[in-house]
Amino acid sequence: MDMDITKPFRLLPKVDEVLLRPAVASLAEGVGRELLRAFVQEIISDWRSEIADGLLDADELQARLSDDQRTDGLMRRLANLVLEEHGRGIVPAVNATGIVLHTGLGRAPVHPEAAASMAAAAGGFCVVEVDRFSGQRNRRDDRLSELAQRLIGCEAAIAVNNNAAACVLALTTFAKGKQTITSRGELVEIGGSFRMPDVMEQAGTKLVGVGATNRTRIGDYQKAINDETGLLLKVHRSNFAVIGFTEEVEMEDIASLAKAHGLPSVYDLGAGFLNNGVPGLTTIEGLVGETLLDDAIQSGADVVSFSGDKLFGGPQAGILAGNAGAIEDMRKNPLYRAMRLDKVGLAGLERTFELYLEGRGDEIPARALLRRKPAELRQAAEQLFAQLKDQPIIQADGCSLEIVEATSQPGSGSAPGVELETTCLQIRVSSDGGVTALAQRLRAASPPVFVRTQDDAIWLDLRTLLPGDDKRLLAAFASLG
């Protein structure tokens, strides 16, 4: 037995020698030589640690350094790191989770025409803050404000980068150094531990919670108003529901009370859902009862804020719509310049508004996915089943594939508690860890596929497959071998 404990260390290759190998050099074309050097250093450093921990001996190290690509060698590890590098960042994916507005997958996919407008704005010069007819400087969201007036009946509108920013802008404009009154039942927390009380603190306003978690009355707001009050705020419960012995104050009543005391009122609506009242829109049955954007505007609130990328179906944005004076006050806030939407987002948002105004709102992908009927989803599932059942990974021992009925969710804190009927393909894997491993392999596939895992099975939900996604999903499964 060779007792020389230094031998494995002496077998470790030098970084520059590895980089001179023709096979290694070819990998640099995809990532650059310096990053490739860092990957080689990472591999050798890991091996050095394994040797020091007694997990890697000379024989195993020699096997890893062989030219046989079937072994877990340096080239194979290096190629995997390069492959992972290409797969990082924002890349197109297949959403088979059934969650239409999936935050992890970018929420609402925009309409192809909105996407084209965004690409055109990003790819060259475009009209942003100049009037093309007079040559005079104007304001970047003047067009958006015009479109919002026509669509939802507000006096004016501006856009910032998301609804969280919209909330902060409204709070700092109207209530910095003052008190903001809101119901205790509306002190929500959304994704990323974004809590309304914390937002208020950062915005420089003091939270005054009124009522109880389950019941708040207009008299609770009335009693709390004093000389330090700056704002009355209503927050839509975007990601939870209160049921049972409940009572809440309508925005109309809050707005009337605010006006009686000479105070501004803000309605943080969140999702921004249009349903009836807009030409060409078909009712989305599962979302009947969700607060409508146009109703919120007509409630009398000075400002209504909502997301452009949730139920509205456009690119990420926070839209503030309401009376012209309040919107102008927020526009003059120095924070607005830091938060305002860029030309790419504005281009997509303008085109989304135009699609609604043209009577084509049901074409917007988020709405189209939410509107899909059980019969349509069943037919799509049967077609995909016929194509997927012969894939090698499905034919493997211990795998099974079947069509099952299930439910989907709108997602992203929109319409809490709503369940939409859907159809799924269910894949069962008998081996230990098989479901987790298969889900991981699908995420790493090309293109990446995201699925639901529950009840020891993979669930492919047909509701969230966009046109062409069936072919992309089949390609991903085929790549698994």
Protein backbone atom coordinates (compact mmCIF):
# COMPACT_ATOMS: atom_id res chain seq x y z
CA MET A 1 0.00 0.00 0.00
CA ASP A 2 1.28 3.41 -0.93
CA MET A 3 1.43 5.41 2.33
CA ASP A 4 2.64 8.63 0.73
CA ILE A 5 -0.17 10.99 1.81
CA THR A 6 1.28 13.79 -0.32
CA LYS A 7 0.88 11.83 -3.55
CA PRO A 8 -2.73 12.94 -4.28
CA PHE A 9 -1.74 16.57 -3.81
CA ARG A 10 1.19 16.12 -6.19
CA LEU A 11 -1.17 14.68 -8.81
CA LEU A 12 -3.34 17.81 -8.88
CA PRO A 13 -2.85 19.50 -12.28
CA LYS A 14 -1.69 23.06 -12.72
CA VAL A 15 -4.36 25.49 -13.87
CA ASP A 16 -2.39 26.78 -16.87
CA GLU A 17 -1.71 23.21 -18.05
CA VAL A 18 -5.41 22.41 -17.95
CA LEU A 19 -6.25 25.56 -19.92
CA LEU A 20 -3.83 24.52 -22.69
CA ARG A 21 -5.78 21.34 -23.43
CA PRO A 22 -7.57 21.70 -26.81
CA ALA A 23 -10.88 20.40 -25.41
CA VAL A 24 -10.72 22.89 -22.56
CA ALA A 25 -9.76 25.78 -24.81
CA SER A 26 -12.83 25.17 -26.96
CA LEU A 27 -15.06 25.76 -23.93
CA ALA A 28 -13.64 29.27 -23.55
CA GLU A 29 -15.48 30.33 -26.69
CA GLY A 30 -18.74 30.28 -24.74
CA VAL A 31 -17.72 31.92 -21.47
CA GLY A 32 -14.35 33.63 -21.94
CA ARG A 33 -10.91 32.54 -20.79
CA GLU A 34 -10.92 34.31 -17.43
CA LEU A 35 -14.18 32.74 -16.27
CA LEU A 36 -12.96 29.36 -17.53
CA ARG A 37 -9.79 29.82 -15.45
CA ALA A 38 -11.95 30.53 -12.39
CA PHE A 39 -13.93 27.33 -13.02
CA VAL A 40 -10.74 25.25 -13.25
CA GLN A 41 -9.45 26.82 -10.04
CA GLU A 42 -12.76 26.01 -8.35
CA ILE A 43 -12.57 22.34 -9.38
CA ILE A 44 -8.96 21.93 -8.25
CA SER A 45 -9.71 23.72 -4.97
CA ASP A 46 -12.62 21.37 -4.32
CA TRP A 47 -10.42 18.34 -5.00
CA ARG A 48 -7.74 19.70 -2.67
CA SER A 49 -10.35 19.96 0.09
CA GLU A 50 -11.52 16.39 -0.57
CA ILE A 51 -7.95 15.13 -0.31
CA ALA A 52 -7.41 17.00 2.95
CA ASP A 53 -10.62 15.48 4.36
CA GLY A 54 -9.58 11.98 3.35
CA LEU A 55 -12.37 11.69 0.77
CA LEU A 56 -10.16 11.49 -2.33
CA ASP A 57 -7.17 9.19 -2.79
CA ALA A 58 -4.58 8.98 -5.56
CA ASP A 59 -6.34 6.21 -7.52
CA GLU A 60 -9.67 8.04 -7.61
CA LEU A 61 -7.96 11.29 -8.57
CA GLN A 62 -6.14 9.60 -11.42
CA ALA A 63 -9.46 8.23 -12.65
CA ARG A 64 -10.96 11.73 -12.62
CA LEU A 65 -8.01 13.02 -14.62
CA SER A 66 -8.26 10.36 -17.31
CA ASP A 67 -9.27 11.24 -20.84
CA ASP A 68 -12.30 8.94 -20.61
CA GLN A 69 -15.33 11.25 -20.86
CA ARG A 70 -17.57 8.64 -19.21
CA THR A 71 -15.82 9.09 -15.88
CA ASP A 72 -16.57 11.93 -13.50
CA GLY A 73 -13.48 13.68 -14.78
CA LEU A 74 -12.24 17.21 -14.89
CA MET A 75 -13.61 17.82 -18.39
CA ARG A 76 -17.06 16.58 -17.45
CA ARG A 77 -17.18 18.77 -14.36
CA LEU A 78 -15.89 21.74 -16.33
CA ALA A 79 -18.41 21.22 -19.11
CA ASN A 80 -21.22 21.11 -16.52
CA LEU A 81 -20.07 24.40 -15.01
CA VAL A 82 -20.05 26.00 -18.46
CA LEU A 83 -23.52 24.60 -19.17
CA GLU A 84 -24.83 25.97 -15.88
CA GLU A 85 -23.30 29.35 -16.69
CA HIS A 86 -25.22 29.51 -19.96
CA GLY A 87 -28.42 28.56 -18.15
CA ARG A 88 -28.25 31.26 -15.47
CA GLY A 89 -30.04 34.58 -15.47
CA ILE A 90 -33.27 35.39 -17.26
CA VAL A 91 -33.99 32.67 -19.81
CA PRO A 92 -37.29 31.53 -21.37
CA ALA A 93 -39.01 28.72 -19.46
CA VAL A 94 -42.09 26.53 -19.65
CA ASN A 95 -44.58 27.16 -16.86
CA ALA A 96 -46.41 23.90 -16.16
CA THR A 97 -47.22 24.79 -12.54
CA GLY A 98 -50.75 26.01 -13.17
CA ILE A 99 -49.96 29.30 -11.40
CA VAL A 100 -50.77 31.90 -14.04
CA LEU A 101 -49.05 34.85 -12.36
CA HIS A 102 -45.98 33.02 -11.08
CA THR A 103 -43.63 35.51 -9.40
CA GLY A 104 -40.63 33.21 -9.85
CA LEU A 105 -41.35 32.97 -13.57
CA GLY A 106 -41.93 36.66 -14.24
CA ARG A 107 -45.67 36.94 -13.52
CA ALA A 108 -47.78 37.92 -16.55
CA PRO A 109 -46.37 37.11 -19.99
CA VAL A 110 -47.11 40.15 -22.13
CA HIS A 111 -49.01 40.14 -25.41
CA PRO A 112 -46.75 39.54 -28.46
CA GLU A 113 -47.49 43.06 -29.72
CA ALA A 114 -46.52 44.52 -26.33
CA ALA A 115 -43.33 42.45 -26.42
CA ALA A 116 -42.56 43.76 -29.91
CA SER A 117 -43.07 47.34 -28.72
CA MET A 118 -40.71 46.73 -25.82
CA ALA A 119 -38.07 45.19 -28.08
CA ALA A 120 -38.31 48.12 -30.50
CA ALA A 121 -37.90 50.62 -27.65
CA ALA A 122 -34.90 48.75 -26.25
CA GLY A 123 -33.19 48.26 -29.59
CA GLY A 124 -32.87 51.87 -30.69
CA PHE A 125 -33.75 55.49 -30.13
CA CYS A 126 -37.39 56.23 -29.43
CA VAL A 127 -39.68 59.11 -28.52
CA VAL A 128 -39.70 59.33 -24.70
CA GLU A 129 -39.63 62.91 -23.39
CA VAL A 130 -40.13 65.01 -26.49
CA ASP A 131 -43.23 65.83 -28.51
CA ARG A 132 -42.49 64.68 -32.05
CA PHE A 133 -44.87 67.22 -33.61
CA SER A 134 -43.90 70.40 -31.72
CA GLY A 135 -40.33 69.44 -30.87
CA GLN A 136 -40.94 70.59 -27.29
CA ARG A 137 -40.00 68.54 -24.26
CA ASN A 138 -42.92 66.74 -22.63
CA ARG A 139 -43.38 64.13 -19.90
CA ARG A 140 -42.64 60.47 -20.51
CA ASP A 141 -45.96 59.10 -19.30
CA ASP A 142 -48.25 61.71 -20.87
CA ARG A 143 -49.41 59.10 -23.39
CA LEU A 144 -49.97 56.55 -20.66
CA SER A 145 -52.06 59.09 -18.75
CA GLU A 146 -54.22 59.68 -21.84
CA LEU A 147 -54.78 55.95 -22.30
CA ALA A 148 -55.63 55.48 -18.63
CA GLN A 149 -58.18 58.31 -18.82
CA ARG A 150 -59.92 56.57 -21.72
CA LEU A 151 -59.81 53.07 -20.27
CA ILE A 152 -60.60 53.47 -16.57
CA GLY A 153 -61.98 56.99 -16.29
CA CYS A 154 -59.29 58.59 -14.12
CA GLU A 155 -58.17 62.19 -14.56
CA ALA A 156 -54.47 61.36 -14.79
CA ALA A 157 -51.94 58.56 -14.22
CA ILE A 158 -48.23 57.96 -13.82
CA ALA A 159 -46.15 54.79 -13.71
CA VAL A 160 -43.29 53.63 -11.50
CA ASN A 161 -41.35 50.37 -11.47
CA ASN A 162 -43.79 48.29 -9.37
CA ASN A 163 -46.75 48.62 -7.03
CA ALA A 164 -44.52 48.58 -3.95
CA ALA A 165 -42.82 51.69 -5.31
CA ALA A 166 -46.24 53.19 -6.05
CA CYS A 167 -47.25 52.67 -2.42
CA VAL A 168 -44.05 54.27 -1.11
CA LEU A 169 -44.42 57.23 -3.46
CA ALA A 170 -48.01 57.85 -2.33
CA LEU A 171 -47.15 57.57 1.37
CA THR A 172 -44.16 59.92 1.18
CA THR A 173 -46.10 62.44 -0.90
CA PHE A 174 -49.18 62.70 1.31
CA ALA A 175 -48.19 61.50 4.78
CA LYS A 176 -44.47 61.94 5.42
CA GLY A 177 -44.10 63.25 8.97
CA LYS A 178 -47.79 62.62 9.57
CA GLN A 179 -50.10 59.71 10.40
CA THR A 180 -51.64 57.21 8.01
CA ILE A 181 -54.88 55.57 9.12
CA THR A 182 -55.70 52.09 7.85
CA SER A 183 -57.59 49.03 9.03
CA ARG A 184 -55.78 46.47 11.18
CA GLY A 185 -57.30 43.83 8.94
CA GLU A 186 -55.39 45.22 5.96
CA LEU A 187 -51.83 45.26 7.33
CA VAL A 188 -50.69 42.75 4.76
CA GLU A 189 -47.36 41.13 4.05
CA ILE A 190 -46.61 40.29 0.43
CA GLY A 191 -43.67 38.39 -1.05
CA GLY A 192 -40.15 38.97 0.22
CA SER A 193 -41.34 39.97 3.72
CA PHE A 194 -42.67 43.26 2.32
CA ARG A 195 -44.95 44.33 5.18
CA MET A 196 -47.21 47.35 5.05
CA PRO A 197 -46.22 48.59 8.56
CA ASP A 198 -42.55 48.45 7.59
CA VAL A 199 -43.25 50.28 4.34
CA MET A 200 -45.01 53.04 6.24
CA GLU A 201 -42.10 53.39 8.64
CA GLN A 202 -39.61 53.68 5.78
CA ALA A 203 -41.87 56.22 4.09
CA GLY A 204 -41.71 58.42 7.18
CA THR A 205 -45.35 58.11 8.17
CA LYS A 206 -46.77 56.80 11.44
CA LEU A 207 -49.17 53.89 11.16
CA VAL A 208 -52.47 54.23 12.98
CA GLY A 209 -54.27 50.89 12.83
CA VAL A 210 -58.00 51.02 13.48
CA GLY A 211 -60.69 48.42 14.09
CA ALA A 212 -59.98 44.74 14.64
CA THR A 213 -58.44 42.10 12.40
CA ASN A 214 -61.85 40.85 11.30
CA ARG A 215 -64.10 43.90 11.73
CA THR A 216 -63.53 47.57 10.97
CA ARG A 217 -66.20 50.27 10.73
CA ILE A 218 -66.17 53.80 9.37
CA GLY A 219 -66.50 55.10 12.93
CA ASP A 220 -63.08 53.61 13.68
CA TYR A 221 -61.53 55.85 11.03
CA GLN A 222 -63.53 58.84 12.26
CA LYS A 223 -62.33 58.47 15.84
CA ALA A 224 -58.67 58.22 14.78
CA ILE A 225 -58.57 61.43 12.72
CA ASN A 226 -56.71 64.29 14.40
CA ASP A 227 -54.44 67.22 13.56
CA GLU A 228 -51.56 64.82 12.80
CA THR A 229 -53.50 62.78 10.23
CA GLY A 230 -52.07 62.94 6.72
CA LEU A 231 -53.79 60.15 4.82
CA LEU A 232 -56.61 57.56 4.88
CA LEU A 233 -55.44 54.33 3.25
CA LYS A 234 -57.28 51.20 2.17
CA VAL A 235 -55.20 48.14 1.23
CA HIS A 236 -56.65 45.28 -0.80
CA ARG A 237 -56.08 41.91 0.89
CA SER A 238 -54.24 40.59 -2.12
CA ASN A 239 -52.94 37.28 -0.77
CA PHE A 240 -55.34 36.21 1.97
CA ALA A 241 -59.03 36.26 2.83
CA VAL A 242 -60.84 36.94 6.11
CA ILE A 243 -63.99 34.84 6.49
CA GLY A 244 -66.60 34.35 9.20
CA PHE A 245 -67.61 37.22 11.50
CA THR A 246 -66.24 40.05 9.36
CA GLU A 247 -66.89 43.62 8.33
CA GLU A 248 -64.86 46.08 6.31
CA VAL A 249 -65.31 49.65 5.17
CA GLU A 250 -65.87 50.28 1.47
CA MET A 251 -63.53 52.68 -0.28
CA GLU A 252 -66.44 54.98 -1.13
CA ASP A 253 -67.06 55.60 2.56
CA ILE A 254 -63.37 56.13 3.33
CA ALA A 255 -63.06 58.58 0.43
CA SER A 256 -66.13 60.53 1.59
CA LEU A 257 -64.79 60.74 5.14
CA ALA A 258 -61.39 61.90 3.87
CA LYS A 259 -62.95 64.64 1.76
CA ALA A 260 -65.08 65.81 4.70
CA HIS A 261 -61.87 66.36 6.69
CA GLY A 262 -59.83 67.78 3.81
CA LEU A 263 -57.57 64.71 3.69
CA PRO A 264 -56.32 62.65 0.74
CA SER A 265 -57.33 59.00 0.36
CA VAL A 266 -55.41 56.20 -1.37
CA TYR A 267 -56.62 52.74 -2.42
CA ASP A 268 -53.77 50.24 -2.79
CA LEU A 269 -55.66 47.85 -5.04
CA GLY A 270 -52.79 45.54 -5.91
CA ALA A 271 -53.84 43.42 -8.88
CA GLY A 272 -55.72 45.83 -11.17
CA PHE A 273 -58.44 43.58 -12.61
CA LEU A 274 -60.74 44.58 -15.48
CA ASN A 275 -63.71 42.35 -16.19
CA ASN A 276 -67.12 43.70 -17.25
CA GLY A 277 -67.50 47.34 -18.37
CA VAL A 278 -64.68 47.21 -20.98
CA PRO A 279 -65.65 46.47 -24.61
CA GLY A 280 -64.58 43.04 -25.83
CA LEU A 281 -63.82 41.52 -22.42
CA THR A 282 -65.34 38.18 -21.48
CA THR A 283 -66.13 37.55 -17.83
CA ILE A 284 -63.60 35.34 -16.07
CA GLU A 285 -65.97 33.22 -14.03
CA GLY A 286 -63.52 32.22 -11.33
CA LEU A 287 -62.72 35.84 -10.54
CA VAL A 288 -66.26 37.15 -10.20
CA GLY A 289 -66.27 39.16 -6.97
CA GLU A 290 -62.68 40.39 -7.30
CA THR A 291 -62.49 44.17 -6.87
CA LEU A 292 -62.55 45.77 -10.31
CA LEU A 293 -60.13 48.50 -11.29
CA ASP A 294 -62.74 50.77 -12.84
CA ASP A 295 -64.92 50.43 -9.73
CA ALA A 296 -61.95 51.43 -7.57
CA ILE A 297 -61.38 54.52 -9.72
CA GLN A 298 -65.05 55.48 -9.39
CA SER A 299 -64.99 55.02 -5.60
CA GLY A 300 -63.85 58.59 -5.05
CA ALA A 301 -60.32 57.70 -3.88
CA ASP A 302 -57.84 60.42 -4.77
CA VAL A 303 -55.34 57.77 -5.89
CA VAL A 304 -55.66 54.11 -6.84
CA SER A 305 -52.44 52.11 -7.20
CA PHE A 306 -52.18 48.75 -8.97
CA SER A 307 -49.67 46.44 -10.63
CA GLY A 308 -49.24 46.40 -14.37
CA ASP A 309 -47.94 42.82 -14.36
CA LYS A 310 -50.62 40.95 -12.43
CA LEU A 311 -54.25 40.64 -13.48
CA PHE A 312 -53.85 43.66 -15.75
CA GLY A 313 -51.53 41.50 -17.86
CA GLY A 314 -48.82 43.96 -18.85
CA PRO A 315 -45.12 44.41 -18.02
CA GLN A 316 -43.90 45.04 -14.47
CA ALA A 317 -45.09 48.45 -13.32
CA GLY A 318 -46.83 50.26 -10.52
CA ILE A 319 -49.58 52.49 -11.88
CA LEU A 320 -50.98 55.40 -9.89
CA ALA A 321 -54.28 56.71 -11.24
CA GLY A 322 -56.71 59.23 -9.82
CA ASN A 323 -57.46 62.94 -9.69
CA ALA A 324 -55.11 65.25 -11.55
CA GLY A 325 -54.04 67.25 -8.50
CA ALA A 326 -52.98 64.21 -6.49
CA ILE A 327 -51.13 62.68 -9.44
CA GLU A 328 -49.30 65.97 -10.04
CA ASP A 329 -48.29 66.11 -6.36
CA MET A 330 -46.68 62.68 -6.69
CA ARG A 331 -45.02 63.62 -9.97
CA LYS A 332 -43.33 66.54 -8.18
CA ASN A 333 -42.00 64.27 -5.42
CA PRO A 334 -38.22 63.80 -5.96
CA LEU A 335 -38.69 60.07 -5.37
CA TYR A 336 -40.76 59.84 -8.54
CA ARG A 337 -37.68 60.38 -10.69
CA ALA A 338 -35.91 57.54 -8.88
CA MET A 339 -38.89 55.20 -9.32
CA ARG A 340 -40.33 56.12 -12.71
CA LEU A 341 -40.75 53.49 -15.38
CA ASP A 342 -38.16 53.22 -18.14
CA LYS A 343 -38.85 53.46 -21.88
CA VAL A 344 -39.07 49.68 -22.34
CA GLY A 345 -41.70 49.19 -19.64
CA LEU A 346 -43.65 52.23 -20.81
CA ALA A 347 -43.73 50.95 -24.39
CA GLY A 348 -45.17 47.61 -23.28
CA LEU A 349 -47.61 49.22 -20.88
CA GLU A 350 -48.90 51.66 -23.50
CA ARG A 351 -49.51 48.82 -25.96
CA THR A 352 -51.32 46.81 -23.27
CA PHE A 353 -53.66 49.73 -22.58
CA GLU A 354 -54.24 50.12 -26.31
CA LEU A 355 -55.17 46.44 -26.66
CA TYR A 356 -57.86 46.88 -24.03
CA LEU A 357 -59.14 50.03 -25.75
CA GLU A 358 -59.19 48.22 -29.11
CA GLY A 359 -61.51 45.58 -27.63
CA ARG A 360 -58.76 42.94 -27.70
CA GLY A 361 -58.19 42.59 -23.96
CA ASP A 362 -59.06 38.90 -23.97
CA GLU A 363 -56.00 38.30 -26.18
CA ILE A 364 -53.72 39.39 -23.34
CA PRO A 365 -52.03 36.13 -22.24
CA ALA A 366 -52.81 36.35 -18.52
CA ARG A 367 -56.51 36.77 -19.28
CA ALA A 368 -56.44 34.05 -21.93
CA LEU A 369 -54.88 31.56 -19.50
CA LEU A 370 -57.33 32.45 -16.72
CA ARG A 371 -60.26 32.03 -19.12
CA ARG A 372 -59.35 28.54 -20.34
CA LYS A 373 -62.27 26.13 -19.95
CA PRO A 374 -62.08 22.59 -18.49
CA ALA A 375 -63.10 21.02 -21.82
CA GLU A 376 -60.33 22.85 -23.68
CA LEU A 377 -57.76 21.85 -21.06
CA ARG A 378 -58.90 18.23 -21.17
CA GLN A 379 -58.46 18.09 -24.95
CA ALA A 380 -54.99 19.64 -24.68
CA ALA A 381 -54.06 17.12 -21.98
CA GLU A 382 -55.13 14.18 -24.14
CA GLN A 383 -53.06 15.45 -27.07
CA LEU A 384 -49.98 15.95 -24.91
CA PHE A 385 -50.47 12.58 -23.22
CA ALA A 386 -50.34 10.84 -26.61
CA GLN A 387 -47.02 12.52 -27.41
CA LEU A 388 -45.43 12.23 -23.98
CA LYS A 389 -46.23 8.61 -23.13
CA ASP A 390 -43.57 7.22 -25.49
CA GLN A 391 -40.73 9.35 -24.13
CA PRO A 392 -37.91 7.12 -22.77
CA ILE A 393 -38.07 8.63 -19.30
CA ILE A 394 -41.81 7.84 -19.10
CA GLN A 395 -41.23 4.32 -20.41
CA ALA A 396 -38.67 3.63 -17.68
CA ASP A 397 -39.47 1.04 -15.02
CA GLY A 398 -41.55 2.42 -12.18
CA CYS A 399 -42.91 5.43 -14.11
CA SER A 400 -46.58 6.02 -14.86
CA LEU A 401 -48.44 8.77 -16.71
CA GLU A 402 -52.12 9.62 -16.43
CA ILE A 403 -54.58 12.46 -16.94
CA VAL A 404 -56.10 13.85 -13.75
CA GLU A 405 -58.47 16.68 -12.86
CA ALA A 406 -57.16 19.34 -10.47
CA THR A 407 -57.31 23.06 -9.70
CA SER A 408 -55.08 26.05 -10.55
CA GLN A 409 -54.51 29.37 -8.80
CA PRO A 410 -54.17 32.87 -10.30
CA GLY A 411 -51.02 33.49 -8.19
CA SER A 412 -48.92 36.53 -7.18
CA GLY A 413 -51.30 37.58 -4.44
CA SER A 414 -54.21 37.91 -6.87
CA ALA A 415 -57.70 36.65 -6.01
CA PRO A 416 -56.80 34.78 -2.79
CA GLY A 417 -58.68 31.54 -2.29
CA VAL A 418 -59.78 31.26 -5.93
CA GLU A 419 -59.40 27.77 -7.40
CA LEU A 420 -59.79 27.29 -11.16
CA GLU A 421 -60.70 23.89 -12.62
CA THR A 422 -57.88 22.46 -14.69
CA THR A 423 -56.46 19.25 -16.15
CA CYS A 424 -52.99 17.89 -15.43
CA LEU A 425 -50.69 15.13 -16.57
CA GLN A 426 -49.52 13.26 -13.48
CA ILE A 427 -46.18 11.42 -13.52
CA ARG A 428 -45.41 8.98 -10.74
CA VAL A 429 -41.88 7.71 -10.10
CA SER A 430 -41.41 4.74 -7.79
CA SER A 431 -37.73 5.18 -6.90
CA ASP A 432 -36.77 7.03 -3.71
CA GLY A 433 -36.33 10.70 -4.42
CA GLY A 434 -37.51 10.14 -7.97
CA VAL A 435 -40.04 12.96 -7.98
CA THR A 436 -37.61 15.53 -6.58
CA ALA A 437 -34.85 14.36 -8.92
CA LEU A 438 -37.10 14.47 -11.99
CA ALA A 439 -38.37 17.96 -11.12
CA GLN A 440 -34.75 19.08 -10.73
CA ARG A 441 -33.77 17.58 -14.09
CA LEU A 442 -36.71 19.28 -15.79
CA ARG A 443 -35.70 22.66 -14.36
CA ALA A 444 -32.16 22.09 -15.68
CA ALA A 445 -33.41 20.93 -19.10
CA SER A 446 -33.38 22.97 -22.28
CA PRO A 447 -35.76 24.72 -22.12
CA PRO A 448 -36.27 24.64 -18.34
CA VAL A 449 -39.66 23.25 -17.29
CA PHE A 450 -41.24 24.13 -13.95
CA VAL A 451 -43.85 21.76 -12.55
CA ARG A 452 -45.85 21.12 -9.39
CA THR A 453 -44.73 18.37 -7.03
CA GLN A 454 -47.34 17.03 -4.64
CA ASP A 455 -48.64 13.67 -3.41
CA ASP A 456 -45.37 12.02 -4.49
CA ALA A 457 -45.96 12.92 -8.13
CA ILE A 458 -45.05 15.41 -10.85
CA TRP A 459 -48.01 17.47 -12.04
CA LEU A 460 -47.92 19.14 -15.46
CA ASP A 461 -50.75 21.68 -15.43
CA LEU A 462 -52.07 22.46 -18.91
CA ARG A 463 -53.60 25.81 -17.88
CA THR A 464 -50.32 27.71 -17.99
CA LEU A 465 -48.92 26.34 -21.25
CA LEU A 466 -48.61 29.13 -23.81
CA PRO A 467 -48.84 28.51 -27.58
CA GLY A 468 -45.89 26.35 -28.60
CA ASP A 469 -45.09 25.28 -25.03
CA ASP A 470 -46.25 21.73 -25.74
CA LYS A 471 -43.43 21.33 -28.27
CA ARG A 472 -40.92 22.94 -25.89
CA LEU A 473 -42.03 20.66 -23.08
CA LEU A 474 -41.62 17.57 -25.28
CA ALA A 475 -38.15 18.77 -26.31
CA ALA A 476 -37.19 19.13 -22.64
CA PHE A 477 -38.36 15.60 -21.85
CA ALA A 478 -36.54 14.23 -24.91
CA SER A 479 -33.32 15.87 -23.72
CA LEU A 480 -33.52 13.87 -20.49
CA GLY A 481 -33.00 10.61 -22.39
